[in-house]
Amino acid sequence: MSFDIGNPSYGLVFWTLIAFLLLLVLLRKFAWKPIIQALNERETSIENALASAEKAKEEMARLSNENEQLLKQARVERDTILKEAKELKDQIVTDAKVQAQTEGAKLIEQAKKEIDDQKKRAMAEVKNQVSSLAIDIARTVLQKEFEDNKKQEALVADLLKDVKLN
C-alpha cells in the first residue's frame, strides 16, 4: 500500500478522523481531568508555597527589626548603666577624698591640741622646777644671811620703814 499525498484516500481520512475523535473523547474522560486536576493542585501548592515564603520573609523582616530594636535598647541600657556606674564611682571617690580630708584635719587638730597640752604641761613643770629651785636658792641665801642676828634686825627694821600704817 502506497501513500500518495496528492491523492488522499477518503476511507483512510474517515477512519483516522474517527480514531482521533475516539482518542480525544477517551483522553478527555480519563486523562485531561486528572492532568488538569494535578496541574491545579500543583498551581495551588506553588501559590501556597509562595505565600508561605512571603510570610516567612515578612516574619524574618519583623524579627530582624525587633532584634535591631532590642540591640539598640540593650546598647542604651548598657550606656546608661555604665554612665551610672561611672557617676557612682566618681561620687564614691569624691566622698572618700572628702572623708579623708576631714579625718586628716581632725587628726591634725587633735595632734595640735595634744602638742599644746604637752607644751603647757612641760611649761608648768619647768615653772614648778624653776620656782622650787628659786625657793631652794632663796632659803639657802636667807639661811646664810640670817645666821647673824644683827643682819636679821637690820632687815626687819628696813622692812618696817617701808610699811605705812593707815
N, C-alpha and C. Protein backbone atom coordinates (compact mmCIF):
# COMPACT_ATOMS: atom_id res chain seq x y z
N MET A 1 0.82 -1.15 0.00
CA MET A 1 0.00 0.00 0.00
C MET A 1 0.88 1.23 0.00
N SER A 2 0.64 1.96 -0.97
CA SER A 2 1.43 3.17 -1.09
C SER A 2 0.56 4.35 -0.72
N PHE A 3 1.23 5.36 -0.22
CA PHE A 3 0.50 6.52 0.26
C PHE A 3 0.87 7.70 -0.60
N ASP A 4 -0.12 8.24 -1.20
CA ASP A 4 0.11 9.36 -2.10
C ASP A 4 -0.49 10.60 -1.45
N ILE A 5 0.31 11.62 -1.24
CA ILE A 5 -0.13 12.83 -0.56
C ILE A 5 -1.05 13.63 -1.49
N GLY A 6 -0.87 13.61 -2.68
CA GLY A 6 -1.68 14.38 -3.62
C GLY A 6 -3.06 13.78 -3.83
N ASN A 7 -3.23 12.52 -3.59
CA ASN A 7 -4.47 11.83 -3.80
C ASN A 7 -4.86 11.12 -2.51
N PRO A 8 -5.55 11.81 -1.61
CA PRO A 8 -5.85 11.14 -0.33
C PRO A 8 -7.01 10.16 -0.51
N SER A 9 -6.93 9.13 0.27
CA SER A 9 -7.97 8.12 0.28
C SER A 9 -8.99 8.54 1.33
N TYR A 10 -10.27 8.64 0.88
CA TYR A 10 -11.29 9.15 1.80
C TYR A 10 -11.57 8.16 2.90
N GLY A 11 -11.46 6.96 2.70
CA GLY A 11 -11.67 5.94 3.72
C GLY A 11 -10.62 6.06 4.82
N LEU A 12 -9.40 6.31 4.43
CA LEU A 12 -8.30 6.45 5.41
C LEU A 12 -8.50 7.71 6.24
N VAL A 13 -8.93 8.76 5.59
CA VAL A 13 -9.16 10.02 6.28
C VAL A 13 -10.32 9.84 7.24
N PHE A 14 -11.37 9.16 6.82
CA PHE A 14 -12.52 8.94 7.68
C PHE A 14 -12.12 8.15 8.92
N TRP A 15 -11.45 7.07 8.74
CA TRP A 15 -11.07 6.22 9.89
C TRP A 15 -10.02 6.92 10.77
N THR A 16 -9.19 7.70 10.22
CA THR A 16 -8.21 8.45 11.01
C THR A 16 -8.94 9.48 11.85
N LEU A 17 -9.98 10.11 11.24
CA LEU A 17 -10.75 11.11 11.97
C LEU A 17 -11.53 10.45 13.08
N ILE A 18 -12.10 9.31 12.86
CA ILE A 18 -12.86 8.57 13.87
C ILE A 18 -11.91 8.18 15.01
N ALA A 19 -10.73 7.68 14.67
CA ALA A 19 -9.76 7.25 15.69
C ALA A 19 -9.30 8.46 16.51
N PHE A 20 -9.14 9.57 15.83
CA PHE A 20 -8.70 10.79 16.53
C PHE A 20 -9.78 11.27 17.49
N LEU A 21 -11.06 11.28 17.03
CA LEU A 21 -12.16 11.72 17.89
C LEU A 21 -12.34 10.77 19.07
N LEU A 22 -12.22 9.48 18.83
CA LEU A 22 -12.32 8.49 19.90
C LEU A 22 -11.19 8.70 20.91
N LEU A 23 -10.00 8.93 20.42
CA LEU A 23 -8.86 9.20 21.29
C LEU A 23 -9.08 10.48 22.08
N LEU A 24 -9.67 11.50 21.41
CA LEU A 24 -9.94 12.76 22.07
C LEU A 24 -10.96 12.57 23.17
N VAL A 25 -12.02 11.81 22.97
CA VAL A 25 -13.05 11.56 23.98
C VAL A 25 -12.45 10.78 25.14
N LEU A 26 -11.67 9.76 24.84
CA LEU A 26 -11.03 8.96 25.90
C LEU A 26 -10.05 9.80 26.73
N LEU A 27 -9.28 10.60 26.04
CA LEU A 27 -8.32 11.45 26.75
C LEU A 27 -9.07 12.45 27.65
N ARG A 28 -10.20 12.99 27.07
CA ARG A 28 -10.94 13.96 27.85
C ARG A 28 -11.55 13.32 29.08
N LYS A 29 -12.08 12.13 28.95
CA LYS A 29 -12.75 11.47 30.05
C LYS A 29 -11.76 10.96 31.09
N PHE A 30 -10.67 10.38 30.65
CA PHE A 30 -9.77 9.71 31.59
C PHE A 30 -8.44 10.46 31.87
N ALA A 31 -7.98 11.23 30.96
CA ALA A 31 -6.65 11.81 31.14
C ALA A 31 -6.70 13.30 31.46
N TRP A 32 -7.50 14.06 30.79
CA TRP A 32 -7.44 15.52 30.97
C TRP A 32 -7.90 15.95 32.35
N LYS A 33 -8.98 15.35 32.88
CA LYS A 33 -9.44 15.73 34.21
C LYS A 33 -8.33 15.47 35.25
N PRO A 34 -7.72 14.30 35.30
CA PRO A 34 -6.65 14.10 36.29
C PRO A 34 -5.44 14.99 36.03
N ILE A 35 -5.13 15.22 34.73
CA ILE A 35 -3.98 16.09 34.41
C ILE A 35 -4.29 17.51 34.84
N ILE A 36 -5.49 18.01 34.50
CA ILE A 36 -5.87 19.37 34.87
C ILE A 36 -5.96 19.50 36.39
N GLN A 37 -6.52 18.44 37.05
CA GLN A 37 -6.61 18.46 38.50
C GLN A 37 -5.20 18.48 39.12
N ALA A 38 -4.30 17.70 38.57
CA ALA A 38 -2.93 17.67 39.07
C ALA A 38 -2.27 19.02 38.83
N LEU A 39 -2.52 19.63 37.67
CA LEU A 39 -1.96 20.96 37.40
C LEU A 39 -2.53 22.00 38.35
N ASN A 40 -3.84 21.93 38.61
CA ASN A 40 -4.47 22.86 39.55
C ASN A 40 -3.90 22.67 40.97
N GLU A 41 -3.76 21.42 41.37
CA GLU A 41 -3.17 21.16 42.69
C GLU A 41 -1.74 21.68 42.77
N ARG A 42 -1.01 21.46 41.71
CA ARG A 42 0.39 21.94 41.67
C ARG A 42 0.41 23.47 41.73
N GLU A 43 -0.50 24.11 40.97
CA GLU A 43 -0.57 25.57 40.98
C GLU A 43 -0.93 26.07 42.38
N THR A 44 -1.90 25.41 43.04
CA THR A 44 -2.30 25.80 44.39
C THR A 44 -1.14 25.62 45.37
N SER A 45 -0.44 24.49 45.26
CA SER A 45 0.68 24.25 46.18
C SER A 45 1.80 25.27 45.95
N ILE A 46 2.04 25.64 44.69
CA ILE A 46 3.06 26.66 44.39
C ILE A 46 2.62 28.01 44.96
N GLU A 47 1.33 28.36 44.78
CA GLU A 47 0.83 29.62 45.34
C GLU A 47 0.95 29.62 46.87
N ASN A 48 0.58 28.47 47.50
CA ASN A 48 0.71 28.36 48.96
C ASN A 48 2.17 28.48 49.39
N ALA A 49 3.05 27.84 48.65
CA ALA A 49 4.48 27.91 48.98
C ALA A 49 4.99 29.34 48.83
N LEU A 50 4.54 30.03 47.77
CA LEU A 50 4.95 31.42 47.59
C LEU A 50 4.40 32.30 48.72
N ALA A 51 3.13 32.05 49.10
CA ALA A 51 2.54 32.83 50.19
C ALA A 51 3.28 32.54 51.50
N SER A 52 3.61 31.28 51.74
CA SER A 52 4.36 30.92 52.94
C SER A 52 5.74 31.56 52.92
N ALA A 53 6.37 31.57 51.77
CA ALA A 53 7.68 32.18 51.64
C ALA A 53 7.58 33.68 51.91
N GLU A 54 6.53 34.31 51.38
CA GLU A 54 6.33 35.75 51.61
C GLU A 54 6.09 36.01 53.09
N LYS A 55 5.25 35.17 53.74
CA LYS A 55 5.00 35.32 55.17
C LYS A 55 6.31 35.13 55.96
N ALA A 56 7.08 34.13 55.56
CA ALA A 56 8.36 33.89 56.24
C ALA A 56 9.29 35.07 56.05
N LYS A 57 9.28 35.63 54.84
CA LYS A 57 10.12 36.80 54.57
C LYS A 57 9.69 37.98 55.44
N GLU A 58 8.37 38.21 55.52
CA GLU A 58 7.86 39.29 56.37
C GLU A 58 8.19 39.03 57.84
N GLU A 59 8.04 37.79 58.26
CA GLU A 59 8.36 37.42 59.65
C GLU A 59 9.84 37.64 59.94
N MET A 60 10.68 37.28 58.99
CA MET A 60 12.12 37.48 59.15
C MET A 60 12.44 38.98 59.23
N ALA A 61 11.77 39.78 58.39
CA ALA A 61 11.99 41.23 58.43
C ALA A 61 11.52 41.78 59.77
N ARG A 62 10.37 41.31 60.25
CA ARG A 62 9.86 41.77 61.55
C ARG A 62 10.81 41.37 62.67
N LEU A 63 11.25 40.12 62.65
CA LEU A 63 12.19 39.65 63.68
C LEU A 63 13.50 40.41 63.61
N SER A 64 13.95 40.69 62.39
CA SER A 64 15.18 41.46 62.22
C SER A 64 15.02 42.85 62.81
N ASN A 65 13.88 43.49 62.54
CA ASN A 65 13.61 44.81 63.11
C ASN A 65 13.53 44.75 64.62
N GLU A 66 12.86 43.71 65.15
CA GLU A 66 12.77 43.54 66.60
C GLU A 66 14.16 43.35 67.20
N ASN A 67 14.98 42.53 66.52
CA ASN A 67 16.34 42.31 67.01
C ASN A 67 17.13 43.62 67.02
N GLU A 68 16.98 44.41 65.96
CA GLU A 68 17.68 45.69 65.91
C GLU A 68 17.19 46.60 67.03
N GLN A 69 15.87 46.62 67.26
CA GLN A 69 15.33 47.45 68.34
C GLN A 69 15.85 46.96 69.70
N LEU A 70 15.87 45.63 69.89
CA LEU A 70 16.38 45.09 71.15
C LEU A 70 17.86 45.42 71.33
N LEU A 71 18.62 45.33 70.23
CA LEU A 71 20.04 45.68 70.32
C LEU A 71 20.23 47.15 70.65
N LYS A 72 19.44 48.01 70.01
CA LYS A 72 19.53 49.44 70.31
C LYS A 72 19.17 49.70 71.77
N GLN A 73 18.09 49.06 72.21
CA GLN A 73 17.66 49.24 73.60
C GLN A 73 18.72 48.69 74.56
N ALA A 74 19.30 47.55 74.23
CA ALA A 74 20.36 46.99 75.08
C ALA A 74 21.56 47.92 75.12
N ARG A 75 21.91 48.50 73.99
CA ARG A 75 23.04 49.45 73.96
C ARG A 75 22.74 50.67 74.82
N VAL A 76 21.50 51.18 74.70
CA VAL A 76 21.13 52.35 75.50
C VAL A 76 21.18 52.00 76.99
N GLU A 77 20.63 50.83 77.35
CA GLU A 77 20.67 50.40 78.75
C GLU A 77 22.10 50.21 79.22
N ARG A 78 22.94 49.62 78.38
CA ARG A 78 24.35 49.42 78.72
C ARG A 78 25.03 50.77 78.96
N ASP A 79 24.77 51.71 78.04
CA ASP A 79 25.37 53.04 78.20
C ASP A 79 24.88 53.71 79.48
N THR A 80 23.59 53.57 79.76
CA THR A 80 23.03 54.16 80.98
C THR A 80 23.66 53.53 82.22
N ILE A 81 23.77 52.21 82.21
CA ILE A 81 24.36 51.52 83.36
C ILE A 81 25.82 51.93 83.53
N LEU A 82 26.55 52.01 82.42
CA LEU A 82 27.96 52.43 82.51
C LEU A 82 28.07 53.86 83.02
N LYS A 83 27.18 54.73 82.55
CA LYS A 83 27.21 56.13 83.00
C LYS A 83 26.90 56.20 84.49
N GLU A 84 25.87 55.46 84.93
CA GLU A 84 25.52 55.46 86.35
C GLU A 84 26.66 54.89 87.18
N ALA A 85 27.30 53.83 86.69
CA ALA A 85 28.42 53.23 87.42
C ALA A 85 29.58 54.22 87.53
N LYS A 86 29.85 54.95 86.45
CA LYS A 86 30.93 55.93 86.47
C LYS A 86 30.60 57.05 87.44
N GLU A 87 29.35 57.52 87.41
CA GLU A 87 28.94 58.58 88.34
C GLU A 87 29.04 58.09 89.77
N LEU A 88 28.62 56.85 90.02
CA LEU A 88 28.70 56.28 91.36
C LEU A 88 30.14 56.17 91.81
N LYS A 89 31.01 55.72 90.89
CA LYS A 89 32.44 55.61 91.21
C LYS A 89 33.01 56.98 91.53
N ASP A 90 32.69 57.97 90.71
CA ASP A 90 33.18 59.33 90.95
C ASP A 90 32.67 59.85 92.30
N GLN A 91 31.39 59.59 92.60
CA GLN A 91 30.82 60.03 93.87
C GLN A 91 31.52 59.36 95.05
N ILE A 92 31.77 58.06 94.92
CA ILE A 92 32.45 57.33 96.00
C ILE A 92 33.86 57.86 96.19
N VAL A 93 34.56 58.10 95.09
CA VAL A 93 35.93 58.63 95.18
C VAL A 93 35.91 60.02 95.82
N THR A 94 34.96 60.87 95.39
CA THR A 94 34.84 62.21 95.96
C THR A 94 34.52 62.14 97.46
N ASP A 95 33.56 61.28 97.82
CA ASP A 95 33.20 61.13 99.22
C ASP A 95 34.39 60.63 100.03
N ALA A 96 35.14 59.68 99.47
CA ALA A 96 36.31 59.15 100.18
C ALA A 96 37.36 60.24 100.36
N LYS A 97 37.57 61.08 99.33
CA LYS A 97 38.53 62.17 99.45
C LYS A 97 38.10 63.16 100.53
N VAL A 98 36.82 63.53 100.49
CA VAL A 98 36.30 64.48 101.48
C VAL A 98 36.44 63.89 102.89
N GLN A 99 36.08 62.63 103.03
CA GLN A 99 36.17 61.99 104.33
C GLN A 99 37.62 61.91 104.79
N ALA A 100 38.52 61.57 103.87
CA ALA A 100 39.94 61.51 104.22
C ALA A 100 40.45 62.89 104.63
N GLN A 101 40.04 63.92 103.90
CA GLN A 101 40.46 65.28 104.26
C GLN A 101 39.91 65.67 105.62
N THR A 102 38.65 65.34 105.88
CA THR A 102 38.03 65.66 107.17
C THR A 102 38.75 64.92 108.29
N GLU A 103 38.98 63.62 108.08
CA GLU A 103 39.68 62.82 109.10
C GLU A 103 41.10 63.35 109.31
N GLY A 104 41.76 63.72 108.22
CA GLY A 104 43.11 64.28 108.32
C GLY A 104 43.11 65.57 109.10
N ALA A 105 42.13 66.43 108.81
CA ALA A 105 42.02 67.70 109.52
C ALA A 105 41.76 67.46 111.01
N LYS A 106 40.89 66.49 111.31
CA LYS A 106 40.61 66.16 112.72
C LYS A 106 41.87 65.66 113.41
N LEU A 107 42.60 64.77 112.72
CA LEU A 107 43.83 64.23 113.32
C LEU A 107 44.86 65.34 113.53
N ILE A 108 44.98 66.25 112.56
CA ILE A 108 45.93 67.36 112.70
C ILE A 108 45.51 68.25 113.85
N GLU A 109 44.22 68.56 113.97
CA GLU A 109 43.72 69.39 115.06
C GLU A 109 43.95 68.71 116.41
N GLN A 110 43.68 67.41 116.45
CA GLN A 110 43.90 66.65 117.69
C GLN A 110 45.39 66.64 118.05
N ALA A 111 46.24 66.47 117.05
CA ALA A 111 47.69 66.49 117.31
C ALA A 111 48.12 67.86 117.80
N LYS A 112 47.59 68.93 117.21
CA LYS A 112 47.93 70.29 117.67
C LYS A 112 47.51 70.49 119.12
N LYS A 113 46.28 70.04 119.46
CA LYS A 113 45.81 70.16 120.84
C LYS A 113 46.71 69.38 121.79
N GLU A 114 47.07 68.17 121.38
CA GLU A 114 47.92 67.34 122.21
C GLU A 114 49.30 67.98 122.39
N ILE A 115 49.81 68.56 121.31
CA ILE A 115 51.12 69.25 121.39
C ILE A 115 51.00 70.45 122.33
N ASP A 116 49.89 71.23 122.19
CA ASP A 116 49.70 72.38 123.07
C ASP A 116 49.58 71.94 124.53
N ASP A 117 48.81 70.86 124.77
CA ASP A 117 48.66 70.35 126.14
C ASP A 117 50.01 69.92 126.70
N GLN A 118 50.77 69.19 125.90
CA GLN A 118 52.09 68.73 126.37
C GLN A 118 53.01 69.93 126.60
N LYS A 119 52.90 70.93 125.73
CA LYS A 119 53.72 72.14 125.88
C LYS A 119 53.36 72.85 127.19
N LYS A 120 52.03 72.98 127.44
CA LYS A 120 51.58 73.63 128.68
C LYS A 120 52.04 72.84 129.89
N ARG A 121 51.92 71.51 129.84
CA ARG A 121 52.38 70.69 130.96
C ARG A 121 53.88 70.84 131.17
N ALA A 122 54.60 70.84 130.03
CA ALA A 122 56.05 70.99 130.14
C ALA A 122 56.40 72.36 130.72
N MET A 123 55.69 73.42 130.30
CA MET A 123 55.95 74.76 130.83
C MET A 123 55.62 74.82 132.31
N ALA A 124 54.48 74.20 132.68
CA ALA A 124 54.11 74.20 134.10
C ALA A 124 55.16 73.45 134.92
N GLU A 125 55.63 72.34 134.39
CA GLU A 125 56.66 71.57 135.09
C GLU A 125 57.95 72.38 135.21
N VAL A 126 58.31 73.06 134.12
CA VAL A 126 59.52 73.90 134.15
C VAL A 126 59.35 75.02 135.18
N LYS A 127 58.14 75.64 135.19
CA LYS A 127 57.87 76.71 136.16
C LYS A 127 57.96 76.17 137.58
N ASN A 128 57.37 75.00 137.80
CA ASN A 128 57.44 74.39 139.13
C ASN A 128 58.88 74.12 139.53
N GLN A 129 59.66 73.58 138.59
CA GLN A 129 61.06 73.29 138.90
C GLN A 129 61.83 74.59 139.16
N VAL A 130 61.55 75.62 138.30
CA VAL A 130 62.24 76.91 138.49
C VAL A 130 61.84 77.51 139.84
N SER A 131 60.53 77.46 140.17
CA SER A 131 60.10 78.02 141.45
C SER A 131 60.69 77.22 142.61
N SER A 132 60.76 75.90 142.49
CA SER A 132 61.38 75.09 143.54
C SER A 132 62.84 75.44 143.69
N LEU A 133 63.51 75.60 142.52
CA LEU A 133 64.93 75.98 142.57
C LEU A 133 65.08 77.38 143.18
N ALA A 134 64.19 78.31 142.81
CA ALA A 134 64.27 79.66 143.35
C ALA A 134 64.05 79.66 144.86
N ILE A 135 63.08 78.86 145.31
CA ILE A 135 62.80 78.78 146.75
C ILE A 135 64.00 78.17 147.47
N ASP A 136 64.54 77.09 146.86
CA ASP A 136 65.71 76.46 147.50
C ASP A 136 66.87 77.44 147.56
N ILE A 137 67.08 78.17 146.46
CA ILE A 137 68.16 79.16 146.43
C ILE A 137 67.88 80.25 147.45
N ALA A 138 66.63 80.74 147.51
CA ALA A 138 66.27 81.80 148.45
C ALA A 138 66.45 81.30 149.89
N ARG A 139 66.03 80.08 150.17
CA ARG A 139 66.18 79.51 151.50
C ARG A 139 67.66 79.47 151.89
N THR A 140 68.45 78.96 150.92
CA THR A 140 69.88 78.84 151.20
C THR A 140 70.48 80.22 151.43
N VAL A 141 70.09 81.19 150.58
CA VAL A 141 70.62 82.55 150.71
C VAL A 141 70.16 83.15 152.04
N LEU A 142 68.88 82.97 152.39
CA LEU A 142 68.35 83.54 153.61
C LEU A 142 68.95 82.89 154.85
N GLN A 143 69.18 81.61 154.75
CA GLN A 143 69.79 80.95 155.89
C GLN A 143 71.19 81.51 156.14
N LYS A 144 71.92 81.74 155.08
CA LYS A 144 73.27 82.29 155.24
C LYS A 144 73.18 83.73 155.72
N GLU A 145 72.20 84.47 155.21
CA GLU A 145 72.05 85.87 155.60
C GLU A 145 71.62 85.98 157.06
N PHE A 146 70.74 85.14 157.49
CA PHE A 146 70.17 85.29 158.82
C PHE A 146 70.91 84.49 159.88
N GLU A 147 72.05 84.00 159.56
CA GLU A 147 72.84 83.35 160.60
C GLU A 147 73.30 84.39 161.63
N ASP A 148 73.44 85.53 161.17
CA ASP A 148 73.87 86.63 162.05
C ASP A 148 72.62 87.39 162.50
N ASN A 149 72.40 87.58 163.82
CA ASN A 149 71.23 88.26 164.38
C ASN A 149 71.19 89.73 164.02
N LYS A 150 72.31 90.38 163.92
CA LYS A 150 72.37 91.80 163.59
C LYS A 150 71.83 92.03 162.19
N LYS A 151 72.12 91.15 161.29
CA LYS A 151 71.64 91.28 159.91
C LYS A 151 70.13 91.10 159.88
N GLN A 152 69.61 90.21 160.73
CA GLN A 152 68.17 89.97 160.79
C GLN A 152 67.45 91.21 161.29
N GLU A 153 67.97 91.83 162.33
CA GLU A 153 67.34 93.02 162.91
C GLU A 153 67.38 94.17 161.92
N ALA A 154 68.46 94.32 161.19
CA ALA A 154 68.59 95.39 160.22
C ALA A 154 67.58 95.19 159.10
N LEU A 155 67.39 93.96 158.65
CA LEU A 155 66.44 93.67 157.59
C LEU A 155 65.01 93.98 158.05
N VAL A 156 64.66 93.58 159.27
CA VAL A 156 63.32 93.83 159.80
C VAL A 156 63.10 95.32 159.92
N ALA A 157 64.06 96.04 160.37
CA ALA A 157 63.93 97.48 160.52
C ALA A 157 63.78 98.14 159.16
N ASP A 158 64.48 97.65 158.19
CA ASP A 158 64.40 98.18 156.82
C ASP A 158 63.00 97.93 156.27
N LEU A 159 62.47 96.79 156.50
CA LEU A 159 61.13 96.44 156.00
C LEU A 159 60.08 97.26 156.70
N LEU A 160 60.25 97.54 157.97
CA LEU A 160 59.27 98.31 158.72
C LEU A 160 59.25 99.76 158.27
N LYS A 161 60.35 100.28 157.81
CA LYS A 161 60.40 101.63 157.32
C LYS A 161 59.52 101.78 156.07
N ASP A 162 59.49 100.75 155.25
CA ASP A 162 58.73 100.80 154.00
C ASP A 162 57.23 100.63 154.25
N VAL A 163 56.84 100.02 155.35
CA VAL A 163 55.45 99.77 155.63
C VAL A 163 54.83 101.02 156.21
N LYS A 164 53.70 101.45 155.70
CA LYS A 164 53.00 102.61 156.20
C LYS A 164 51.69 102.13 156.82
N LEU A 165 51.41 102.59 157.95
CA LEU A 165 50.17 102.22 158.61
C LEU A 165 49.12 103.28 158.35
N ASN A 166 47.91 102.92 158.11
CA ASN A 166 46.84 103.91 157.85
C ASN A 166 46.19 104.31 159.10
